[in-house]
C-alpha cells in the first residue's frame, strides 16, 4: 500500500535543526511519504543567521508543478516563505489544491534574526492572503501578537486572539502557549469557531529547543495524512513534541530535539485536554483496588445484578436509559444494596447525582456527560470514576481528570449502541494498553466468546460485555464460562 504524501514548503536549514530538513525527518519517521518545495536557502545554525537567499517565484512554481505531476499531496505543511513572491506562488497553488494544509507562520529564526524580506508588518499582511485556504494555522503567542498587532497577556487574550484570527478565514487555529512564562503548565489553545479546547503539558526548563514549531506542525500534517481527525492529530502531534523536548539533548549552546522514529507510546507525554485552562493538575480519583476489573457486565436492571453477582462477578455497571423518577431511583438503590452485599464494584452510568445521593461505589460517564457532571464534587465524595473514550482527543480529555479507569472502544463492531467511531481492533487496543499504563483499561464493544481471548491477551484490566451476557441463550452458563476464561488470564 502506498503511503500518503505530505509536502513541506519551507526554507532550507543547513544545520538540519529546523526548516525543511527537520520537516522531512519527522514526516518520514511518522509513516508518510515526504516531498519538499524549497522557498529559501538560509546560512544558519542555532546561534546565528548570516545569509538568506529567497528563491525566485518561477523556481518555486517549477517545484510545485513537478511535484503535482508525480507526487500529489494529501496534506501540505507550509513553513518559512519569507518573500512576497513565495507567498503569491503558494496562494495560486492553494486556490486549486483540494487537500489539507497546515501553516506554521514562522517569522524569526532561533537566533532571533528575521526570516522574511522587508518589514514584518508588510510580510504578515501578505501572508494573510493564504488564510482562507488553510485548514490549520499554528502560531505561537508572539506570532499571534504580530498577526493581530496587539499584545496577549492572559488566557482570555489567547481565546480572543484565536477568534479574531478565525475571522480572517482560517478553518482551525492552534495558538501555542510555550512562550507564556507566567503559566505553571505549557498550555495551547485550539478552536474551529464552534468547538474549542485547552491542551496542557508539563513545562520543561527554558532552553533553545530548535525546530519545535516545525516538528509540531509536521507531526500534525502526518497525522492528518494518516486519516486522523483534526483534534486527534493535534493531540498526537503534541505527544510527539512533548517526547522530543523531554528527551532533548544539549549540544554546545543549543538543545537538539531527538526526533524519535515512531508515534509516542509513553503516558507521560500525553497532554491533558480541558475546556478551560488548567491552573494545576487535577487530583486523581480513588483507584479500584488491587484486583483487575475482570469480567465487566453492563446491565439495565437490578434483577441482572441479582442474577450475576452470586456467580462471582466483581465489577458491574448499571445503565438504565428508559426509566425516570422514583422507578429509576429504586433501581439504583436496590443495585447499590446488592453490590454491597456481594462486595462488588458497581458503577452507575450517567446518573451521577443519584449515585452520590445513594452512596454508590462509582460512576461511569461518557464524553457528552463529562461536560454536564460536577467532576470535582464526584471526586471529593470519594466515588470512583470510569470514562468512555474512542480516540486520542477523548483519552487526553479523560487524562485531564485522572479517572479510576478508562474504557476504550469499540474494539469490534457492535449492535448494542450506535457508534460514530470505527472499531479499534486488537492492535490499537495493544497500543492503548501500552500508552495508558497508569490507568486500568477496560475494553468494550463487540466482545464475545469467540474473541475474548485475544482481548485479554493485550493485558486489559476489564472486559465490558453486554449482548454476550444479556442476550445469551443461557446467561448464567455463559457468564460462568466467561468468568473462567477471564480468571485464566488474570489469576495466573
Protein backbone atom coordinates (compact mmCIF):
# COMPACT_ATOMS: atom_id res chain seq x y z
CA UNK A 1 0.00 0.00 0.00
CA UNK A 2 1.35 3.41 -0.96
CA UNK A 3 1.93 5.80 1.91
CA UNK A 4 0.07 9.12 1.92
CA UNK A 5 2.18 12.00 0.63
CA UNK A 6 2.92 15.14 2.65
CA UNK A 7 4.81 18.10 1.24
CA UNK A 8 6.81 20.56 3.24
CA UNK A 9 7.02 24.01 1.68
CA UNK A 10 9.76 25.72 3.65
CA UNK A 11 13.25 27.18 3.82
CA UNK A 12 16.40 25.09 3.96
CA UNK A 13 18.40 24.97 7.22
CA UNK A 14 21.93 23.61 6.59
CA UNK A 15 22.30 22.56 10.25
CA UNK A 16 19.19 20.36 9.97
CA UNK A 17 17.77 21.58 13.25
CA UNK A 18 14.73 23.30 11.79
CA UNK A 19 13.05 24.13 8.49
CA UNK A 20 12.68 21.76 5.58
CA UNK A 21 15.26 19.25 6.85
CA UNK A 22 13.52 18.88 10.22
CA UNK A 23 10.14 18.56 8.50
CA UNK A 24 11.34 15.78 6.19
CA UNK A 25 12.77 13.73 9.06
CA UNK A 26 9.56 13.97 11.07
CA UNK A 27 7.32 13.07 8.15
CA UNK A 28 9.34 10.01 7.14
CA UNK A 29 9.62 8.77 10.71
CA UNK A 30 5.88 9.08 11.29
CA UNK A 31 4.92 6.84 8.42
CA UNK A 32 4.18 9.12 5.45
CA UNK A 33 5.96 9.77 2.16
CA UNK A 34 7.55 13.22 2.18
CA UNK A 35 8.42 15.67 -0.58
CA UNK A 36 9.66 19.25 -0.44
CA UNK A 37 9.38 22.64 -2.09
CA UNK A 38 12.28 24.94 -1.17
CA UNK A 39 11.36 28.63 -0.75
CA UNK A 40 14.66 29.93 0.59
CA UNK A 41 18.20 28.82 1.34
CA UNK A 42 19.50 30.04 4.68
CA UNK A 43 23.02 30.06 6.11
CA UNK A 44 22.41 29.47 9.81
CA UNK A 45 23.00 27.36 12.87
CA UNK A 46 21.45 27.50 16.33
CA UNK A 47 23.22 30.76 17.20
CA UNK A 48 23.43 32.85 14.04
CA UNK A 49 21.80 33.51 10.68
CA UNK A 50 24.35 35.02 8.29
CA UNK A 51 22.58 34.99 4.92
CA UNK A 52 19.27 34.16 3.25
CA UNK A 53 18.64 33.60 -0.44
CA UNK A 54 14.95 33.77 -1.36
CA UNK A 55 14.22 31.64 -4.41
CA UNK A 56 12.67 33.43 -7.38
CA UNK A 57 8.94 32.75 -7.84
CA UNK A 58 9.45 30.84 -11.11
CA UNK A 59 11.70 28.34 -9.26
CA UNK A 60 9.03 27.79 -6.65
CA UNK A 61 6.34 27.40 -9.31
CA UNK A 62 8.51 24.86 -11.14
CA UNK A 63 8.86 22.74 -7.99
CA UNK A 64 5.11 22.86 -7.34
CA UNK A 65 4.41 21.81 -10.93
CA UNK A 66 6.89 18.92 -10.82
CA UNK A 67 5.53 17.52 -7.56
CA UNK A 68 1.89 17.93 -8.57
CA UNK A 69 2.51 15.84 -11.67
CA UNK A 70 4.13 12.92 -9.89
CA UNK A 71 3.58 13.13 -6.10
CA UNK A 72 0.27 14.92 -5.41
CA UNK A 73 0.00 15.80 -1.74
CA UNK A 74 -2.60 14.55 0.70
CA UNK A 75 -1.50 17.29 3.11
CA UNK A 76 0.74 20.31 2.62
CA UNK A 77 2.73 21.71 5.54
CA UNK A 78 3.89 25.30 4.97
CA UNK A 79 6.68 26.92 6.95
CA UNK A 80 9.06 29.72 6.03
CA UNK A 81 8.00 31.59 2.88
CA UNK A 82 9.84 34.83 3.54
CA UNK A 83 9.05 36.82 0.42
CA UNK A 84 6.07 38.29 -1.37
CA UNK A 85 6.88 36.23 -4.46
CA UNK A 86 6.80 32.98 -2.48
CA UNK A 87 3.51 33.92 -0.81
CA UNK A 88 1.93 34.67 -4.18
CA UNK A 89 3.11 31.33 -5.59
CA UNK A 90 1.61 29.41 -2.68
CA UNK A 91 -1.63 31.40 -2.85
CA UNK A 92 -2.07 30.44 -6.52
CA UNK A 93 -1.33 26.82 -5.67
CA UNK A 94 -3.74 26.66 -2.70
CA UNK A 95 -6.62 28.09 -4.76
CA UNK A 96 -6.52 24.93 -6.92
CA UNK A 97 -5.39 22.44 -4.24
CA UNK A 98 -8.06 20.14 -2.78
CA UNK A 99 -6.06 18.53 0.05
CA UNK A 100 -5.45 19.76 3.59
CA UNK A 101 -2.97 22.48 4.51
CA UNK A 102 -1.15 23.45 7.72
CA UNK A 103 0.74 26.74 8.08
CA UNK A 104 3.33 27.38 10.76
CA UNK A 105 3.82 31.16 10.35
CA UNK A 106 7.48 31.18 11.30
CA UNK A 107 8.93 34.68 11.19
CA UNK A 108 12.08 34.53 13.30
CA UNK A 109 15.00 32.07 13.49
CA UNK A 110 16.11 30.62 16.83
CA UNK A 111 19.00 33.11 16.72
CA UNK A 112 16.46 35.96 16.69
CA UNK A 113 17.05 37.05 13.08
CA UNK A 114 14.02 37.61 10.79
CA UNK A 115 13.09 35.01 8.18
CA UNK A 116 11.34 37.39 5.80
CA UNK A 117 12.15 40.20 3.40
CA UNK A 118 11.06 43.74 4.32
CA UNK A 119 9.06 44.75 7.39
CA UNK A 120 7.21 42.18 9.46
CA UNK A 121 4.01 44.19 9.13
CA UNK A 122 4.18 44.07 5.34
CA UNK A 123 5.14 40.38 5.30
CA UNK A 124 2.28 39.32 7.58
CA UNK A 125 -0.14 41.42 5.53
CA UNK A 126 0.92 39.40 2.51
CA UNK A 127 0.77 36.12 4.41
CA UNK A 128 -2.86 36.72 5.39
CA UNK A 129 -3.96 36.17 1.81
CA UNK A 130 -3.30 32.45 2.44
CA UNK A 131 -5.58 32.24 5.49
CA UNK A 132 -8.88 31.47 3.67
CA UNK A 133 -7.24 28.38 2.14
CA UNK A 134 -5.77 26.98 5.38
CA UNK A 135 -7.13 24.07 7.36
CA UNK A 136 -4.90 24.90 10.34
CA UNK A 137 -2.71 27.81 11.46
CA UNK A 138 -0.21 27.15 14.30
CA UNK A 139 1.23 30.45 15.60
CA UNK A 140 2.93 30.79 18.96
CA UNK A 141 1.89 33.71 21.15
CA UNK A 142 4.46 36.21 19.73
CA UNK A 143 3.40 35.28 16.19
CA UNK A 144 -0.28 35.68 17.06
CA UNK A 145 0.53 39.10 18.54
CA UNK A 146 2.31 40.09 15.34
CA UNK A 147 -0.56 38.88 13.12
CA UNK A 148 -3.10 40.94 15.11
CA UNK A 149 -0.90 43.86 16.08
CA UNK A 150 -1.78 43.62 19.79
CA UNK A 151 -0.35 42.17 23.00
CA UNK A 152 -1.52 38.94 24.60
CA UNK A 153 -1.28 38.81 28.39
CA UNK A 154 -3.76 36.17 29.58
CA UNK A 155 -5.66 33.01 28.68
CA UNK A 156 -8.66 35.17 27.85
CA UNK A 157 -6.48 37.18 25.46
CA UNK A 158 -5.42 33.94 23.73
CA UNK A 159 -9.05 32.90 23.24
CA UNK A 160 -9.93 36.35 21.90
CA UNK A 161 -6.93 36.32 19.56
CA UNK A 162 -7.95 32.91 18.21
CA UNK A 163 -11.45 34.19 17.42
CA UNK A 164 -10.03 37.24 15.64
CA UNK A 165 -7.67 35.13 13.53
CA UNK A 166 -10.52 32.77 12.61
CA UNK A 167 -12.38 35.80 11.28
CA UNK A 168 -9.56 36.18 8.73
CA UNK A 169 -10.65 32.93 7.09
CA UNK A 170 -8.64 30.17 8.80
CA UNK A 171 -10.68 26.99 9.46
CA UNK A 172 -8.79 25.91 12.62
CA UNK A 173 -6.24 27.66 14.80
CA UNK A 174 -3.85 26.31 17.41
CA UNK A 175 -2.14 29.03 19.48
CA UNK A 176 0.92 27.58 21.20
CA UNK A 177 1.46 28.78 24.75
CA UNK A 178 5.04 27.74 25.36
CA UNK A 179 6.15 31.40 25.47
CA UNK A 180 3.72 32.29 28.30
CA UNK A 181 6.21 32.32 31.16
CA UNK A 182 3.73 33.01 33.98
CA UNK A 183 1.87 29.72 33.35
CA UNK A 184 2.91 26.74 35.50
CA UNK A 185 1.93 24.42 32.65
CA UNK A 186 2.59 24.78 28.95
CA UNK A 187 -0.90 25.31 27.51
CA UNK A 188 -2.06 25.52 23.91
CA UNK A 189 -5.50 26.58 22.69
CA UNK A 190 -7.38 25.18 19.69
CA UNK A 191 -10.67 26.25 18.17
CA UNK A 192 -12.57 26.00 14.91
CA UNK A 193 -15.18 28.55 15.95
CA UNK A 194 -17.79 26.05 17.11
CA UNK A 195 -15.58 23.84 19.31
CA UNK A 196 -12.52 24.58 21.40
CA UNK A 197 -10.17 23.07 23.96
CA UNK A 198 -7.08 23.80 26.01
CA UNK A 199 -4.20 21.34 25.98
CA UNK A 200 -1.84 21.33 28.97
CA UNK A 201 1.57 19.68 29.22
CA UNK A 202 4.39 19.74 31.74
CA UNK A 203 6.68 22.72 31.32
CA UNK A 204 10.32 21.78 30.79
CA UNK A 205 13.34 24.01 31.52
CA UNK A 206 13.58 27.02 29.23
CA UNK A 207 16.19 26.20 26.61
CA UNK A 208 16.63 26.76 22.89
CA UNK A 209 14.55 23.84 21.63
CA UNK A 210 15.34 24.33 17.95
CA UNK A 211 12.70 23.48 15.42
CA UNK A 212 9.89 22.71 17.88
CA UNK A 213 7.33 24.60 15.78
CA UNK A 214 8.47 22.82 12.62
CA UNK A 215 8.27 19.43 14.33
CA UNK A 216 4.81 20.03 15.81
CA UNK A 217 3.23 21.27 12.58
CA UNK A 218 4.85 18.47 10.56
CA UNK A 219 3.59 15.86 13.03
CA UNK A 220 0.08 17.31 12.73
CA UNK A 221 0.33 17.11 8.95
CA UNK A 222 1.49 13.48 9.16
CA UNK A 223 -1.42 12.54 11.45
CA UNK A 224 -3.93 14.26 9.15
CA UNK A 225 -2.48 12.39 6.16
CA UNK A 226 -2.96 9.13 8.09
CA UNK A 227 -6.70 9.93 8.27
CA UNK A 228 -6.87 11.13 11.86
CA UNK A 229 -9.40 13.84 12.68
CA UNK A 230 -8.06 17.33 13.40
CA UNK A 231 -8.44 17.12 17.19
CA UNK A 232 -6.75 13.71 17.31
CA UNK A 233 -3.96 14.89 15.01
CA UNK A 234 -3.23 17.84 17.30
CA UNK A 235 -3.12 15.65 20.43
CA UNK A 236 -0.90 13.06 18.74
CA UNK A 237 1.49 15.75 17.49
CA UNK A 238 1.61 17.33 20.94
CA UNK A 239 2.58 13.96 22.39
CA UNK A 240 5.34 13.74 19.80
CA UNK A 241 6.82 17.16 20.54
CA UNK A 242 6.45 16.58 24.30
CA UNK A 243 8.60 13.48 23.95
CA UNK A 244 11.12 15.32 21.78
CA UNK A 245 11.51 18.08 24.37
CA UNK A 246 11.66 15.60 27.25
CA UNK A 247 14.46 13.64 25.56
CA UNK A 248 16.22 16.66 24.03
CA UNK A 249 19.99 16.59 24.09
CA UNK A 250 22.08 19.65 24.88
CA UNK A 251 24.87 20.06 22.35
CA UNK A 252 27.20 23.05 22.61
CA UNK A 253 24.97 26.06 23.18
CA UNK A 254 21.80 24.61 21.71
CA UNK A 255 19.31 21.91 22.65
CA UNK A 256 18.60 19.49 19.81
CA UNK A 257 15.34 17.60 19.53
CA UNK A 258 15.98 13.88 19.27
CA UNK A 259 13.24 13.16 16.68
CA UNK A 260 12.22 9.60 17.52
CA UNK A 261 11.22 7.07 14.89
CA UNK A 262 7.57 6.48 15.76
CA UNK A 263 4.47 7.90 17.38
CA UNK A 264 4.80 8.14 21.19
CA UNK A 265 3.63 5.33 23.46
CA UNK A 266 4.52 6.86 26.84
CA UNK A 267 1.77 8.24 29.05
CA UNK A 268 3.99 10.99 30.46
CA UNK A 269 3.92 12.66 27.02
CA UNK A 270 0.11 12.67 26.81
CA UNK A 271 -1.31 16.22 27.19
CA UNK A 272 -4.35 16.99 29.32
CA UNK A 273 -7.29 18.34 27.35
CA UNK A 274 -9.91 20.53 29.02
CA UNK A 275 -12.50 23.14 28.11
CA UNK A 276 -10.82 25.75 30.32
CA UNK A 277 -7.12 26.38 31.01
CA UNK A 278 -5.74 24.39 33.94
CA UNK A 279 -4.14 26.09 36.90
CA UNK A 280 -2.80 22.77 38.20
CA UNK A 281 -3.09 19.05 37.56
CA UNK A 282 -6.33 17.62 38.94
CA UNK A 283 -6.30 15.23 41.90
CA UNK A 284 -6.58 11.59 40.90
CA UNK A 285 -9.79 9.71 41.53
CA UNK A 286 -9.62 6.80 44.02
CA UNK A 287 -8.38 3.57 42.47
CA UNK A 288 -10.41 0.39 42.14
CA UNK A 289 -8.18 -1.73 44.36
CA UNK A 290 -5.54 -4.34 43.58
CA UNK A 291 -7.82 -6.77 41.75
CA UNK A 292 -8.23 -6.38 37.99
CA UNK A 293 -11.68 -5.19 36.98
CA UNK A 294 -12.16 -8.53 35.25
CA UNK A 295 -15.42 -9.50 33.56
CA UNK A 296 -17.48 -6.31 33.49
CA UNK A 297 -21.15 -6.84 32.54
CA UNK A 298 -23.20 -3.78 31.62
CA UNK A 299 -26.86 -4.34 32.51
CA UNK A 300 -30.12 -2.37 32.56
CA UNK A 301 -31.83 -3.57 35.75
CA UNK A 302 -31.17 -4.56 39.35
CA UNK A 303 -32.55 -8.01 38.52
CA UNK A 304 -29.45 -8.61 36.44
CA UNK A 305 -27.29 -7.82 39.46
CA UNK A 306 -29.31 -10.33 41.47
CA UNK A 307 -28.59 -12.90 38.77
CA UNK A 308 -24.92 -12.21 38.04
CA UNK A 309 -23.30 -11.17 41.30
CA UNK A 310 -23.79 -14.55 43.05
CA UNK A 311 -21.82 -16.14 40.18
CA UNK A 312 -18.66 -14.24 41.15
CA UNK A 313 -18.90 -11.09 39.04
CA UNK A 314 -16.95 -8.42 40.93
CA UNK A 315 -17.40 -5.40 38.64
CA UNK A 316 -20.68 -4.38 37.04
CA UNK A 317 -22.33 -1.31 35.54
CA UNK A 318 -25.96 -0.27 35.77
CA UNK A 319 -27.00 1.58 32.62
CA UNK A 320 -30.70 2.45 32.54
CA UNK A 321 -31.84 4.66 29.68
CA UNK A 322 -35.63 4.37 29.68
CA UNK A 323 -36.69 4.92 33.29
CA UNK A 324 -37.04 8.11 35.31
CA UNK A 325 -38.23 9.40 38.66
CA UNK A 326 -38.96 7.05 41.57
CA UNK A 327 -38.70 3.92 39.42
CA UNK A 328 -35.13 4.81 38.43
CA UNK A 329 -34.21 5.74 42.00
CA UNK A 330 -35.48 2.40 43.34
CA UNK A 331 -33.48 0.51 40.73
CA UNK A 332 -30.29 2.39 41.64
CA UNK A 333 -30.85 1.95 45.39
CA UNK A 334 -31.54 -1.78 45.06
CA UNK A 335 -28.48 -2.23 42.84
CA UNK A 336 -26.24 -0.43 45.36
CA UNK A 337 -27.51 -2.68 48.17
CA UNK A 338 -26.91 -5.81 46.10
CA UNK A 339 -23.39 -4.68 45.18
CA UNK A 340 -22.56 -4.04 48.83
CA UNK A 341 -23.96 -7.44 49.80
CA UNK A 342 -21.70 -9.23 47.31
CA UNK A 343 -18.77 -6.83 47.74
CA UNK A 344 -18.88 -5.89 44.05
CA UNK A 345 -17.72 -2.69 42.38
CA UNK A 346 -20.88 -1.12 40.96
CA UNK A 347 -20.63 1.82 38.55
CA UNK A 348 -23.78 3.84 37.85
CA UNK A 349 -23.91 5.05 34.26
CA UNK A 350 -24.51 8.81 33.82
CA UNK A 351 -26.76 9.31 36.88
CA UNK A 352 -24.00 10.81 39.00
CA UNK A 353 -26.22 12.88 41.27
CA UNK A 354 -28.27 9.84 42.27
CA UNK A 355 -25.10 7.82 42.69
CA UNK A 356 -23.83 10.48 45.10
CA UNK A 357 -27.12 10.67 46.98
CA UNK A 358 -27.40 6.91 47.46
CA UNK A 359 -23.75 6.16 48.23
CA UNK A 360 -22.69 4.24 45.12
CA UNK A 361 -19.18 2.84 44.68
CA UNK A 362 -18.61 4.64 41.40
CA UNK A 363 -19.92 6.44 38.33
CA UNK A 364 -19.30 5.87 34.65
CA UNK A 365 -19.53 8.84 32.29
CA UNK A 366 -19.46 9.15 28.53
CA UNK A 367 -17.76 12.06 26.80
CA UNK A 368 -21.01 14.02 26.49
CA UNK A 369 -21.68 13.70 30.21
CA UNK A 370 -18.26 14.97 31.26
CA UNK A 371 -19.40 18.48 30.37
CA UNK A 372 -22.57 18.21 32.48
CA UNK A 373 -21.27 16.42 35.57
CA UNK A 374 -19.63 18.10 38.56
CA UNK A 375 -16.35 16.18 38.37
CA UNK A 376 -14.87 17.88 41.42
CA UNK A 377 -17.91 17.02 43.53
CA UNK A 378 -17.79 13.37 42.47
CA UNK A 379 -14.10 13.19 43.36
CA UNK A 380 -14.49 14.91 46.71
CA UNK A 381 -17.26 12.46 47.63
CA UNK A 382 -14.78 9.60 47.20
CA UNK A 383 -16.56 7.86 44.33
CA UNK A 384 -14.63 6.03 41.64
CA UNK A 385 -14.98 7.27 38.08
CA UNK A 386 -14.80 5.47 34.76
CA UNK A 387 -14.74 7.38 31.46
CA UNK A 388 -15.55 6.20 27.92
CA UNK A 389 -13.07 7.08 25.18
CA UNK A 390 -12.80 6.33 21.47
CA UNK A 391 -9.81 8.35 20.20
CA UNK A 392 -6.68 10.28 21.23
CA UNK A 393 -8.58 13.50 21.88
CA UNK A 394 -11.02 11.78 24.24
CA UNK A 395 -8.22 9.88 26.00
CA UNK A 396 -6.41 13.20 26.61
CA UNK A 397 -9.65 14.67 27.90
CA UNK A 398 -10.05 11.77 30.34
CA UNK A 399 -6.40 12.10 31.36
CA UNK A 400 -7.05 15.68 32.49
CA UNK A 401 -9.39 14.45 35.24
CA UNK A 402 -7.37 11.29 36.11
CA UNK A 403 -10.28 8.83 36.47
CA UNK A 404 -10.21 5.45 38.19
CA UNK A 405 -10.28 3.63 34.86
CA UNK A 406 -10.54 4.41 31.16
CA UNK A 407 -12.77 2.46 28.79
CA UNK A 408 -11.65 2.18 25.15
CA UNK A 409 -13.77 1.04 22.25
CA UNK A 410 -15.48 -0.17 20.30
CA UNK A 411 -12.92 -2.93 19.82
CA UNK A 412 -15.13 -4.82 17.37
CA UNK A 413 -18.35 -3.96 15.52
CA UNK A 414 -21.25 -3.76 17.95
CA UNK A 415 -25.04 -3.60 17.78
CA UNK A 416 -25.55 -2.63 21.43
CA UNK A 417 -25.12 1.08 20.74
CA UNK A 418 -24.99 3.34 17.68
CA UNK A 419 -21.34 4.30 17.23
CA UNK A 420 -19.78 7.10 15.17
CA UNK A 421 -16.31 5.56 15.62
CA UNK A 422 -14.86 2.69 13.62
CA UNK A 423 -13.84 -0.47 15.50
CA UNK A 424 -10.41 -0.14 17.11
CA UNK A 425 -9.23 -3.72 16.68
CA UNK A 426 -6.72 -5.67 18.74
CA UNK A 427 -3.62 -3.81 17.50
CA UNK A 428 -4.99 -0.43 18.61
CA UNK A 429 -6.09 -1.96 21.91
CA UNK A 430 -2.49 -3.09 22.49
CA UNK A 431 -1.34 0.46 21.76
CA UNK A 432 -3.83 1.88 24.28
CA UNK A 433 -2.60 -0.60 26.91
CA UNK A 434 0.98 0.50 26.27
CA UNK A 435 0.12 4.19 26.39
CA UNK A 436 -2.27 4.23 29.35
CA UNK A 437 -0.24 2.23 31.84
CA UNK A 438 -1.24 4.45 34.79
CA UNK A 439 -4.91 3.53 34.36
CA UNK A 440 -6.80 0.24 34.46
CA UNK A 441 -8.07 -0.16 30.90
CA UNK A 442 -11.49 -1.57 30.06
CA UNK A 443 -12.12 -2.92 26.56
CA UNK A 444 -15.67 -2.58 25.25
CA UNK A 445 -17.61 -3.17 22.06
CA UNK A 446 -18.46 -6.37 20.20
CA UNK A 447 -16.56 -8.67 22.60
CA UNK A 448 -17.83 -12.26 22.82
CA UNK A 449 -16.73 -15.83 23.49
CA UNK A 450 -15.03 -16.05 20.10
CA UNK A 451 -12.70 -13.05 20.57
CA UNK A 452 -12.34 -12.55 24.33
CA UNK A 453 -9.02 -14.46 24.46
CA UNK A 454 -7.41 -12.01 22.03
CA UNK A 455 -8.73 -9.10 24.09
CA UNK A 456 -7.43 -10.47 27.39
CA UNK A 457 -4.04 -11.24 25.87
CA UNK A 458 -3.45 -7.49 25.47
CA UNK A 459 -3.34 -7.10 29.26
CA UNK A 460 -6.54 -5.09 29.77
CA UNK A 461 -7.84 -4.86 33.33
CA UNK A 462 -11.51 -5.25 32.41
CA UNK A 463 -13.66 -6.65 29.61
CA UNK A 464 -17.04 -4.95 29.32
CA UNK A 465 -19.77 -7.12 27.82
CA UNK A 466 -23.46 -6.54 27.10
CA UNK A 467 -25.05 -8.76 24.46
CA UNK A 468 -22.73 -11.72 25.06
CA UNK A 469 -24.33 -11.98 28.50
CA UNK A 470 -27.76 -10.37 28.45
CA UNK A 471 -28.77 -11.85 25.08
CA UNK A 472 -27.18 -15.27 25.60
CA UNK A 473 -29.41 -18.31 25.36
CA UNK A 474 -28.28 -19.19 28.89
CA UNK A 475 -26.91 -16.04 30.57
CA UNK A 476 -25.87 -17.87 33.74
CA UNK A 477 -23.91 -20.58 31.93
CA UNK A 478 -22.40 -18.02 29.57
CA UNK A 479 -21.28 -15.81 32.47
CA UNK A 480 -19.70 -18.74 34.30
CA UNK A 481 -17.73 -19.71 31.22
CA UNK A 482 -16.61 -16.13 30.63
CA UNK A 483 -15.50 -15.82 34.25
CA UNK A 484 -13.39 -18.96 33.80
CA UNK A 485 -11.72 -17.51 30.71
CA UNK A 486 -11.02 -14.20 32.44
CA UNK A 487 -9.63 -15.93 35.53
CA UNK A 488 -7.30 -17.99 33.31
CA UNK A 489 -5.63 -14.77 32.12
CA UNK A 490 -5.82 -12.64 35.25
CA UNK A 491 -5.19 -15.14 38.05
CA UNK A 492 -2.00 -16.66 36.65
